[in-house]
Protein backbone atom coordinates (compact mmCIF):
# COMPACT_ATOMS: atom_id res chain seq x y z
CA MET A 1 19.98 -3.24 -7.00
CA ILE A 2 17.65 -1.73 -4.57
CA LYS A 3 20.06 -0.90 -1.75
CA LYS A 4 21.86 0.99 -4.74
CA TRP A 5 18.69 3.02 -5.55
CA ASN A 6 17.98 3.86 -2.24
CA GLY A 7 21.39 5.77 -1.42
CA THR A 8 20.12 8.59 -3.34
CA LEU A 9 16.95 10.83 -3.35
CA PHE A 10 15.82 10.30 -6.79
CA GLY A 11 16.58 6.61 -6.21
CA THR A 12 14.10 7.23 -2.67
CA LEU A 13 11.38 8.65 -4.93
CA TRP A 14 11.49 6.08 -7.41
CA LEU A 15 11.11 3.52 -4.65
CA THR A 16 8.00 5.28 -3.29
CA VAL A 17 6.43 5.70 -6.82
CA ILE A 18 7.03 1.84 -7.59
CA LEU A 19 5.62 1.06 -3.93
CA SER A 20 2.17 3.48 -4.46
CA PHE A 21 1.51 1.64 -8.06
CA LEU A 22 2.32 -1.99 -5.88
CA HIS A 23 -0.30 -1.10 -2.92
CA GLY A 24 -2.81 0.29 -5.81
CA ALA A 25 -2.25 -3.08 -7.64
CA GLY A 26 -3.20 -4.67 -4.02
CA GLY A 27 -6.12 -2.74 -3.77
CA GLY A 28 -7.31 -3.66 -6.91
CA LEU A 29 -6.93 -7.36 -6.48
CA LEU A 30 -9.07 -6.47 -2.95
CA PHE A 31 -11.46 -5.14 -4.84
CA LEU A 32 -12.18 -7.94 -7.76
CA SER A 33 -11.37 -10.81 -5.12
CA ALA A 34 -14.46 -8.86 -3.20
CA TYR A 35 -16.36 -8.83 -6.04
CA LYS A 36 -15.81 -12.66 -6.38
CA TYR A 37 -15.99 -13.40 -3.20
CA SER A 38 -18.13 -12.04 -0.11
CA GLU A 39 -16.58 -13.71 2.37
CA ILE A 40 -13.67 -10.96 2.46
CA LEU A 41 -15.45 -8.51 3.42
CA GLU A 42 -16.82 -10.59 6.36
CA ASN A 43 -13.21 -10.95 7.52
CA SER A 44 -12.22 -7.18 7.18
CA GLY A 45 -10.07 -6.95 10.42
CA LEU A 46 -7.93 -9.70 9.10
CA VAL A 47 -7.85 -8.41 5.52
CA VAL A 48 -6.65 -5.13 7.39
CA ALA A 49 -3.85 -7.13 9.15
CA VAL A 50 -2.84 -8.92 6.41
CA LEU A 51 -2.41 -6.47 4.23
CA THR A 52 -0.67 -4.01 6.82
CA ILE A 53 1.80 -6.31 7.80
CA LEU A 54 2.40 -7.07 3.07
CA TYR A 55 2.74 -3.36 3.14
CA ALA A 56 4.99 -3.10 6.22
CA LEU A 57 7.41 -5.22 5.03
CA PRO A 58 8.72 -3.31 1.92
CA VAL A 59 8.88 -0.21 3.75
CA LEU A 60 10.52 -1.82 6.78
CA ALA A 61 13.11 -3.21 3.80
CA TRP A 62 13.75 -0.29 1.68
CA PHE A 63 13.37 3.06 3.46
CA ARG A 64 16.27 3.07 5.93
CA THR A 65 18.10 5.86 4.24
CA LYS A 66 18.07 9.25 5.72
CA TYR A 67 15.56 10.01 3.26
CA TRP A 68 12.53 8.68 5.56
CA ALA A 69 10.09 11.79 4.25
CA ALA A 70 9.67 9.69 1.41
CA LEU A 71 6.87 7.94 3.09
CA ALA A 72 4.54 11.22 3.30
CA PHE A 73 4.92 10.93 -0.60
CA LEU A 74 4.06 7.17 -0.44
CA LEU A 75 0.59 8.53 1.53
CA LEU A 76 -0.25 10.83 -0.85
CA LEU A 77 0.75 8.58 -3.82
CA SER A 78 -1.39 5.69 -2.76
CA PRO A 79 -4.47 7.25 -3.54
CA LEU A 80 -3.57 8.20 -6.92
CA GLY A 81 -2.20 4.52 -7.77
CA SER A 82 -5.38 3.12 -6.01
CA LEU A 83 -7.46 5.08 -8.81
CA LEU A 84 -5.06 4.31 -11.56
CA PHE A 85 -5.23 0.43 -11.13
CA PHE A 86 -9.35 0.42 -10.25
CA PHE A 87 -9.60 2.27 -13.49
CA ILE A 88 -7.21 -0.24 -15.45
CA GLY A 89 -9.40 -3.18 -13.42
CA GLY A 90 -12.68 -1.56 -15.12
CA LEU A 91 -11.19 -1.92 -18.45
CA LEU A 92 -10.04 -5.45 -18.01
CA PHE A 93 -12.47 -7.00 -15.83
CA PRO A 94 -15.43 -4.89 -16.28
CA VAL A 95 -18.54 -5.56 -14.07
CA ALA A 96 -22.13 -5.76 -14.62
CA GLU A 97 -24.06 -2.56 -15.85
CA GLY A 98 -25.63 -0.21 -13.74
CA ASP A 99 -24.51 -2.32 -10.55
CA LEU A 100 -24.83 0.20 -7.86
CA GLY A 101 -23.55 -2.38 -5.25
CA ALA A 102 -20.08 -2.75 -7.02
CA GLY A 103 -19.80 1.19 -6.43
CA ILE A 104 -20.39 0.99 -2.82
CA LEU A 105 -17.66 -2.08 -2.73
CA TRP A 106 -15.17 0.13 -4.11
CA PHE A 107 -15.86 2.55 -1.65
CA ILE A 108 -15.35 0.06 0.90
CA THR A 109 -12.35 -1.48 -0.37
CA THR A 110 -10.72 1.38 -1.43
CA GLY A 111 -11.45 2.77 2.40
CA ILE A 112 -10.01 -0.92 3.43
CA ASN A 113 -6.85 -0.67 1.56
CA LEU A 114 -6.00 3.23 2.30
CA VAL A 115 -6.51 1.97 6.09
CA SER A 116 -3.55 -0.74 5.65
CA VAL A 117 -1.56 1.58 3.33
CA VAL A 118 -1.47 3.95 6.49
CA LEU A 119 -0.91 1.43 9.15
CA GLY A 120 1.78 -0.62 7.17
CA THR A 121 3.38 2.60 6.36
CA LEU A 122 3.43 3.97 9.59
CA LEU A 123 4.26 0.01 11.23
CA GLY A 124 7.22 -0.08 8.67
CA GLY A 125 8.77 3.41 9.67
CA LEU A 126 8.31 2.87 13.06
CA THR A 127 10.37 -0.05 13.42
CA ASN A 128 12.96 1.20 11.31
CA LEU A 129 12.95 3.97 13.65
CA MET A 130 13.31 2.13 16.40
CA LEU A 131 16.09 -0.12 14.81
CA HIS A 132 17.90 2.74 14.12
CA SER A 133 17.86 4.25 17.44
CA ARG A 134 18.78 0.48 18.49
CA ARG A 135 21.72 0.59 16.16
CA MET A 136 22.73 4.05 17.16
CA LEU A 137 22.68 3.19 20.90
CA ASN A 138 25.11 0.08 20.35
CA SER A 139 27.75 2.03 18.28
């Protein structure tokens, strides 16, 4: 079904929106897990590496079409997805009243998530570009 969507501009844009909301959900899960377990922030380099790989895999699998410019929309829509999921997460899992540390943690986890989104998008897009160039040279 994704291959059918991926062949049109409209389908590629829908995949971009879906993927940006998945990135936002990943950022929300990162915030909630870092709020519960402080060890996550101590290993932030590992968290960035794992999230980058996890964010690059769908880009690598879904964006093999001629609509590569949709990846730029992914970089623009992912912060909006993050804000949406942080709002939803705040309603479902409220933090303590007046907890200023949660606000600072939100900025830190948002930064980690957005850096991972950018790196994952670049990694997936560049890998697709290299694979496309290799297919063109072999044919």
